[in-house]
Amino acid sequence: VSNRSNDLVTEGGSFYVKYRFYSTDDLNSHFRMAAFGRYSFNNADIHQEQIEIMGHNTGFESGIVATKLIKKLAISSSISFEKAYDNKPDYPFPNELGDNATNYTLSFGKLMYPKKYTSFKQTNINLMVEFAGQTINENGKSYLDVVPVIQFIFNSQARVDVAYRHELMSSMVRSAPNGVYFNLYYTFFNLKKQSN
């Protein structure tokens, strides 16, 4: 939903899936890997070189994320391929722009609270910093952002992130490189497939 044209309109949406395919868990440490994919649709005009299916482009993204936890420090990295299509019905993808990109992230997070676990129901407070970038595969244009984050995890199921994204460098046109972000995630555990 956007009011960029001084009128509040629905511009699009997306579907996202993630599957953890590898996990080694130990006391106070783990290593996990997951594959993820997203498909988005958008009907707005295309007004930037950055490919961003979470708000600007119709397209898909697929990638892999790996996370290593060592005591209270988590290190996570991801790499993904992102492809943009026409924003139907009125906005074909411009021929002069690159329509696919490689995205990459590296983040460091530390558990600040609680100091000692007594229950999985305890609220976690984490401080994080993430470096997030993109390179357009056809022309090499890139950006790199830094994103400090405070994260709250409730009952091991709900996650709230409050972040500020700041552009460190860029060689491409972006409509909103800097800004405050608010994310809410909820995980449904024990979803079971039923067979007849």
C-alpha atoms as a PDB file:
ATOM      1  CA  VAL A   1       0.000   0.000   0.000  1.00  0.00           C
ATOM      2  CA  SER A   2       1.430   3.397  -0.983  1.00  0.00           C
ATOM      3  CA  ASN A   3       0.527   7.085  -0.953  1.00  0.00           C
ATOM      4  CA  ARG A   4       3.459   8.078  -3.199  1.00  0.00           C
ATOM      5  CA  SER A   5       1.042   9.679  -5.702  1.00  0.00           C
ATOM      6  CA  ASN A   6      -0.843  11.517  -2.906  1.00  0.00           C
ATOM      7  CA  ASP A   7      -3.550   8.857  -3.029  1.00  0.00           C
ATOM      8  CA  LEU A   8      -3.557   5.741  -0.822  1.00  0.00           C
ATOM      9  CA  VAL A   9      -3.646   2.773  -3.210  1.00  0.00           C
ATOM     10  CA  THR A  10      -2.858  -0.936  -3.130  1.00  0.00           C
ATOM     11  CA  GLU A  11       0.170  -1.621  -5.332  1.00  0.00           C
ATOM     12  CA  GLY A  12       0.891  -5.297  -4.755  1.00  0.00           C
ATOM     13  CA  GLY A  13       1.808  -8.149  -2.469  1.00  0.00           C
ATOM     14  CA  SER A  14       4.006 -11.217  -2.214  1.00  0.00           C
ATOM     15  CA  PHE A  15       4.239 -14.872  -1.179  1.00  0.00           C
ATOM     16  CA  TYR A  16       7.265 -16.096   0.784  1.00  0.00           C
ATOM     17  CA  VAL A  17       8.457 -19.586   1.753  1.00  0.00           C
ATOM     18  CA  LYS A  18      11.516 -20.794   3.655  1.00  0.00           C
ATOM     19  CA  TYR A  19      12.662 -24.349   4.329  1.00  0.00           C
ATOM     20  CA  ARG A  20      15.449 -25.297   6.724  1.00  0.00           C
ATOM     21  CA  PHE A  21      17.307 -28.196   5.136  1.00  0.00           C
ATOM     22  CA  TYR A  22      20.312 -28.468   7.455  1.00  0.00           C
ATOM     23  CA  SER A  23      20.686 -28.103  11.210  1.00  0.00           C
ATOM     24  CA  THR A  24      23.296 -29.106  13.780  1.00  0.00           C
ATOM     25  CA  ASP A  25      22.310 -28.079  17.285  1.00  0.00           C
ATOM     26  CA  ASP A  26      24.599 -28.234  20.295  1.00  0.00           C
ATOM     27  CA  LEU A  27      24.579 -26.720  23.766  1.00  0.00           C
ATOM     28  CA  ASN A  28      24.918 -22.914  23.321  1.00  0.00           C
ATOM     29  CA  SER A  29      25.633 -23.242  19.600  1.00  0.00           C
ATOM     30  CA  HIS A  30      24.066 -24.251  16.317  1.00  0.00           C
ATOM     31  CA  PHE A  31      24.590 -24.058  12.563  1.00  0.00           C
ATOM     32  CA  ARG A  32      21.577 -23.887  10.259  1.00  0.00           C
ATOM     33  CA  MET A  33      20.977 -23.478   6.545  1.00  0.00           C
ATOM     34  CA  ALA A  34      17.716 -22.703   4.776  1.00  0.00           C
ATOM     35  CA  ALA A  35      16.500 -22.108   1.226  1.00  0.00           C
ATOM     36  CA  PHE A  36      13.960 -19.363   0.611  1.00  0.00           C
ATOM     37  CA  GLY A  37      11.855 -18.007  -2.218  1.00  0.00           C
ATOM     38  CA  ARG A  38       9.513 -15.107  -2.792  1.00  0.00           C
ATOM     39  CA  TYR A  39       7.152 -14.131  -5.612  1.00  0.00           C
ATOM     40  CA  SER A  40       5.781 -10.583  -5.726  1.00  0.00           C
ATOM     41  CA  PHE A  41       3.318  -8.726  -7.930  1.00  0.00           C
ATOM     42  CA  ASN A  42       3.185  -4.960  -8.303  1.00  0.00           C
ATOM     43  CA  ASN A  43       1.171  -2.574 -10.496  1.00  0.00           C
ATOM     44  CA  ALA A  44       3.101   0.682  -9.814  1.00  0.00           C
ATOM     45  CA  ASP A  45       5.375   2.558 -12.206  1.00  0.00           C
ATOM     46  CA  ILE A  46       9.011   1.430 -12.303  1.00  0.00           C
ATOM     47  CA  HIS A  47      11.087   4.377 -11.110  1.00  0.00           C
ATOM     48  CA  GLN A  48      14.446   3.037  -9.911  1.00  0.00           C
ATOM     49  CA  GLU A  49      17.367   0.879 -11.051  1.00  0.00           C
ATOM     50  CA  GLN A  50      17.428  -1.147  -7.836  1.00  0.00           C
ATOM     51  CA  ILE A  51      15.429  -4.371  -8.161  1.00  0.00           C
ATOM     52  CA  GLU A  52      13.207  -4.571  -5.106  1.00  0.00           C
ATOM     53  CA  ILE A  53      10.332  -7.042  -5.239  1.00  0.00           C
ATOM     54  CA  MET A  54       9.397  -6.099  -1.665  1.00  0.00           C
ATOM     55  CA  GLY A  55       7.661  -2.920  -2.762  1.00  0.00           C
ATOM     56  CA  HIS A  56       8.649  -1.847  -6.282  1.00  0.00           C
ATOM     57  CA  ASN A  57       8.859  -4.727  -8.758  1.00  0.00           C
ATOM     58  CA  THR A  58       6.945  -7.754  -9.914  1.00  0.00           C
ATOM     59  CA  GLY A  59       9.288 -10.743  -9.865  1.00  0.00           C
ATOM     60  CA  PHE A  60      10.851 -13.523  -7.837  1.00  0.00           C
ATOM     61  CA  GLU A  61      13.798 -14.079  -5.529  1.00  0.00           C
ATOM     62  CA  SER A  62      15.420 -17.349  -4.467  1.00  0.00           C
ATOM     63  CA  GLY A  63      18.412 -17.935  -2.253  1.00  0.00           C
ATOM     64  CA  ILE A  64      20.144 -19.572   0.680  1.00  0.00           C
ATOM     65  CA  VAL A  65      20.769 -18.301   4.215  1.00  0.00           C
ATOM     66  CA  ALA A  66      23.225 -19.750   6.761  1.00  0.00           C
ATOM     67  CA  THR A  67      23.360 -18.915  10.473  1.00  0.00           C
ATOM     68  CA  LYS A  68      25.978 -19.805  13.082  1.00  0.00           C
ATOM     69  CA  LEU A  69      25.241 -19.271  16.787  1.00  0.00           C
ATOM     70  CA  ILE A  70      28.164 -19.227  19.238  1.00  0.00           C
ATOM     71  CA  LYS A  71      26.912 -18.675  22.802  1.00  0.00           C
ATOM     72  CA  LYS A  72      25.136 -15.286  22.567  1.00  0.00           C
ATOM     73  CA  LEU A  73      26.566 -14.195  19.188  1.00  0.00           C
ATOM     74  CA  ALA A  74      24.813 -15.058  15.905  1.00  0.00           C
ATOM     75  CA  ILE A  75      26.463 -14.613  12.509  1.00  0.00           C
ATOM     76  CA  SER A  76      24.242 -14.920   9.458  1.00  0.00           C
ATOM     77  CA  SER A  77      24.816 -14.569   5.725  1.00  0.00           C
ATOM     78  CA  SER A  78      22.638 -14.949   2.657  1.00  0.00           C
ATOM     79  CA  ILE A  79      22.945 -14.856  -1.103  1.00  0.00           C
ATOM     80  CA  SER A  80      20.058 -14.748  -3.543  1.00  0.00           C
ATOM     81  CA  PHE A  81      19.085 -14.231  -7.179  1.00  0.00           C
ATOM     82  CA  GLU A  82      16.342 -11.684  -7.907  1.00  0.00           C
ATOM     83  CA  LYS A  83      14.507 -11.251 -11.227  1.00  0.00           C
ATOM     84  CA  ALA A  84      12.086  -8.459 -12.181  1.00  0.00           C
ATOM     85  CA  TYR A  85       9.242  -8.633 -14.701  1.00  0.00           C
ATOM     86  CA  ASP A  86       6.728  -6.134 -16.101  1.00  0.00           C
ATOM     87  CA  ASN A  87       4.536  -4.359 -13.551  1.00  0.00           C
ATOM     88  CA  LYS A  88       1.262  -5.220 -15.246  1.00  0.00           C
ATOM     89  CA  PRO A  89      -0.996  -3.958 -16.617  1.00  0.00           C
ATOM     90  CA  ASP A  90       0.565  -0.576 -17.458  1.00  0.00           C
ATOM     91  CA  TYR A  91       4.323  -0.603 -16.802  1.00  0.00           C
ATOM     92  CA  PRO A  92       6.648  -2.843 -18.851  1.00  0.00           C
ATOM     93  CA  PHE A  93      10.131  -3.292 -17.406  1.00  0.00           C
ATOM     94  CA  PRO A  94      12.410  -0.695 -19.074  1.00  0.00           C
ATOM     95  CA  ASN A  95      14.800  -2.175 -21.667  1.00  0.00           C
ATOM     96  CA  GLU A  96      17.652   0.095 -20.539  1.00  0.00           C
ATOM     97  CA  LEU A  97      17.655  -1.318 -16.970  1.00  0.00           C
ATOM     98  CA  GLY A  98      19.069  -4.631 -15.820  1.00  0.00           C
ATOM     99  CA  ASP A  99      16.246  -6.994 -14.825  1.00  0.00           C
ATOM    100  CA  ASN A 100      18.148  -9.439 -12.572  1.00  0.00           C
ATOM    101  CA  ALA A 101      20.495  -9.058  -9.638  1.00  0.00           C
ATOM    102  CA  THR A 102      22.509 -10.827  -6.971  1.00  0.00           C
ATOM    103  CA  ASN A 103      21.668  -9.883  -3.369  1.00  0.00           C
ATOM    104  CA  TYR A 104      23.931 -10.549  -0.388  1.00  0.00           C
ATOM    105  CA  THR A 105      23.818  -9.949   3.352  1.00  0.00           C
ATOM    106  CA  LEU A 106      26.094 -10.392   6.357  1.00  0.00           C
ATOM    107  CA  SER A 107      24.778  -9.784   9.856  1.00  0.00           C
ATOM    108  CA  PHE A 108      25.987  -9.994  13.437  1.00  0.00           C
ATOM    109  CA  GLY A 109      23.577 -10.189  16.355  1.00  0.00           C
ATOM    110  CA  LYS A 110      24.055 -10.442  20.104  1.00  0.00           C
ATOM    111  CA  LEU A 111      21.585 -11.505  22.770  1.00  0.00           C
ATOM    112  CA  MET A 112      21.401  -8.703  25.331  1.00  0.00           C
ATOM    113  CA  TYR A 113      18.516 -10.008  27.453  1.00  0.00           C
ATOM    114  CA  PRO A 114      17.932 -12.316  29.279  1.00  0.00           C
ATOM    115  CA  LYS A 115      21.345 -12.801  30.823  1.00  0.00           C
ATOM    116  CA  LYS A 116      20.347 -16.339  31.767  1.00  0.00           C
ATOM    117  CA  TYR A 117      17.618 -18.537  30.276  1.00  0.00           C
ATOM    118  CA  THR A 118      15.021 -20.079  32.546  1.00  0.00           C
ATOM    119  CA  SER A 119      12.299 -20.659  29.919  1.00  0.00           C
ATOM    120  CA  PHE A 120      11.697 -20.518  26.148  1.00  0.00           C
ATOM    121  CA  LYS A 121       8.818 -18.170  26.963  1.00  0.00           C
ATOM    122  CA  GLN A 122      11.234 -15.429  28.044  1.00  0.00           C
ATOM    123  CA  THR A 123      11.369 -12.318  25.881  1.00  0.00           C
ATOM    124  CA  ASN A 124      14.673 -11.980  24.006  1.00  0.00           C
ATOM    125  CA  ILE A 125      16.194  -8.603  23.184  1.00  0.00           C
ATOM    126  CA  ASN A 126      18.905  -8.690  20.516  1.00  0.00           C
ATOM    127  CA  LEU A 127      21.101  -5.965  19.036  1.00  0.00           C
ATOM    128  CA  MET A 128      22.125  -6.532  15.419  1.00  0.00           C
ATOM    129  CA  VAL A 129      23.974  -4.903  12.570  1.00  0.00           C
ATOM    130  CA  GLU A 130      23.460  -6.079   8.994  1.00  0.00           C
ATOM    131  CA  PHE A 131      25.269  -5.211   5.786  1.00  0.00           C
ATOM    132  CA  ALA A 132      22.981  -5.641   2.770  1.00  0.00           C
ATOM    133  CA  GLY A 133      23.902  -5.175  -0.862  1.00  0.00           C
ATOM    134  CA  GLN A 134      22.875  -5.798  -4.445  1.00  0.00           C
ATOM    135  CA  THR A 135      24.682  -6.004  -7.787  1.00  0.00           C
ATOM    136  CA  ILE A 136      22.793  -5.765 -11.079  1.00  0.00           C
ATOM    137  CA  ASN A 137      24.153  -8.707 -13.066  1.00  0.00           C
ATOM    138  CA  GLU A 138      23.956  -7.068 -16.520  1.00  0.00           C
ATOM    139  CA  ASN A 139      25.769  -3.796 -15.788  1.00  0.00           C
ATOM    140  CA  GLY A 140      27.568  -4.222 -12.447  1.00  0.00           C
ATOM    141  CA  LYS A 141      25.809  -1.339 -10.690  1.00  0.00           C
ATOM    142  CA  SER A 142      25.753  -1.921  -6.939  1.00  0.00           C
ATOM    143  CA  TYR A 143      24.815  -0.608  -3.537  1.00  0.00           C
ATOM    144  CA  LEU A 144      25.781  -1.464   0.026  1.00  0.00           C
ATOM    145  CA  ASP A 145      23.745  -0.497   3.105  1.00  0.00           C
ATOM    146  CA  VAL A 146      24.290  -0.818   6.850  1.00  0.00           C
ATOM    147  CA  VAL A 147      21.267  -1.650   9.000  1.00  0.00           C
ATOM    148  CA  PRO A 148      21.421  -1.416  12.817  1.00  0.00           C
ATOM    149  CA  VAL A 149      18.513  -3.320  14.378  1.00  0.00           C
ATOM    150  CA  ILE A 150      16.916  -3.880  17.778  1.00  0.00           C
ATOM    151  CA  GLN A 151      14.995  -7.139  17.807  1.00  0.00           C
ATOM    152  CA  PHE A 152      12.416  -8.509  20.239  1.00  0.00           C
ATOM    153  CA  ILE A 153      11.412 -12.191  20.290  1.00  0.00           C
ATOM    154  CA  PHE A 154       8.302 -13.139  22.250  1.00  0.00           C
ATOM    155  CA  ASN A 155       7.514 -16.693  23.372  1.00  0.00           C
ATOM    156  CA  SER A 156      10.007 -18.044  20.774  1.00  0.00           C
ATOM    157  CA  GLN A 157       7.353 -17.436  18.082  1.00  0.00           C
ATOM    158  CA  ALA A 158       6.791 -13.724  17.435  1.00  0.00           C
ATOM    159  CA  ARG A 159       9.582 -11.407  16.294  1.00  0.00           C
ATOM    160  CA  VAL A 160       9.565  -7.618  16.037  1.00  0.00           C
ATOM    161  CA  ASP A 161      12.426  -5.734  14.348  1.00  0.00           C
ATOM    162  CA  VAL A 162      12.951  -1.971  14.479  1.00  0.00           C
ATOM    163  CA  ALA A 163      15.758  -0.866  12.167  1.00  0.00           C
ATOM    164  CA  TYR A 164      17.351   2.076  10.403  1.00  0.00           C
ATOM    165  CA  ARG A 165      18.753   1.456   6.915  1.00  0.00           C
ATOM    166  CA  HIS A 166      21.569   3.751   5.746  1.00  0.00           C
ATOM    167  CA  GLU A 167      23.267   3.729   2.350  1.00  0.00           C
ATOM    168  CA  LEU A 168      27.065   3.361   2.555  1.00  0.00           C
ATOM    169  CA  MET A 169      27.709   3.439  -1.201  1.00  0.00           C
ATOM    170  CA  SER A 170      25.714   3.202  -4.423  1.00  0.00           C
ATOM    171  CA  SER A 171      26.193   3.468  -8.185  1.00  0.00           C
ATOM    172  CA  MET A 172      22.474   3.046  -8.992  1.00  0.00           C
ATOM    173  CA  VAL A 173      19.283   5.103  -8.748  1.00  0.00           C
ATOM    174  CA  ARG A 174      17.226   4.182  -5.670  1.00  0.00           C
ATOM    175  CA  SER A 175      14.027   5.908  -4.593  1.00  0.00           C
ATOM    176  CA  ALA A 176      14.398   5.367  -0.820  1.00  0.00           C
ATOM    177  CA  PRO A 177      17.913   4.270   0.176  1.00  0.00           C
ATOM    178  CA  ASN A 178      17.612   5.469   3.795  1.00  0.00           C
ATOM    179  CA  GLY A 179      14.764   4.911   6.208  1.00  0.00           C
ATOM    180  CA  VAL A 180      13.241   3.349   9.295  1.00  0.00           C
ATOM    181  CA  TYR A 181      11.903  -0.203   9.046  1.00  0.00           C
ATOM    182  CA  PHE A 182       9.422  -2.081  11.204  1.00  0.00           C
ATOM    183  CA  ASN A 183       9.035  -5.838  10.641  1.00  0.00           C
ATOM    184  CA  LEU A 184       6.718  -8.318  12.346  1.00  0.00           C
ATOM    185  CA  TYR A 185       7.167 -12.099  11.950  1.00  0.00           C
ATOM    186  CA  TYR A 186       5.146 -14.907  13.459  1.00  0.00           C
ATOM    187  CA  THR A 187       6.105 -18.586  13.243  1.00  0.00           C
ATOM    188  CA  PHE A 188       3.464 -21.309  13.361  1.00  0.00           C
ATOM    189  CA  PHE A 189       4.994 -24.440  14.869  1.00  0.00           C
ATOM    190  CA  ASN A 190       3.829 -28.033  14.528  1.00  0.00           C
ATOM    191  CA  LEU A 191       1.948 -27.588  11.266  1.00  0.00           C
ATOM    192  CA  LYS A 192       1.343 -31.161  10.186  1.00  0.00           C
ATOM    193  CA  LYS A 193       0.488 -32.630   6.832  1.00  0.00           C
ATOM    194  CA  GLN A 194      -2.582 -34.805   7.024  1.00  0.00           C
ATOM    195  CA  SER A 195      -3.011 -37.780   4.719  1.00  0.00           C
ATOM    196  CA  ASN A 196      -6.228 -39.598   3.826  1.00  0.00           C
END
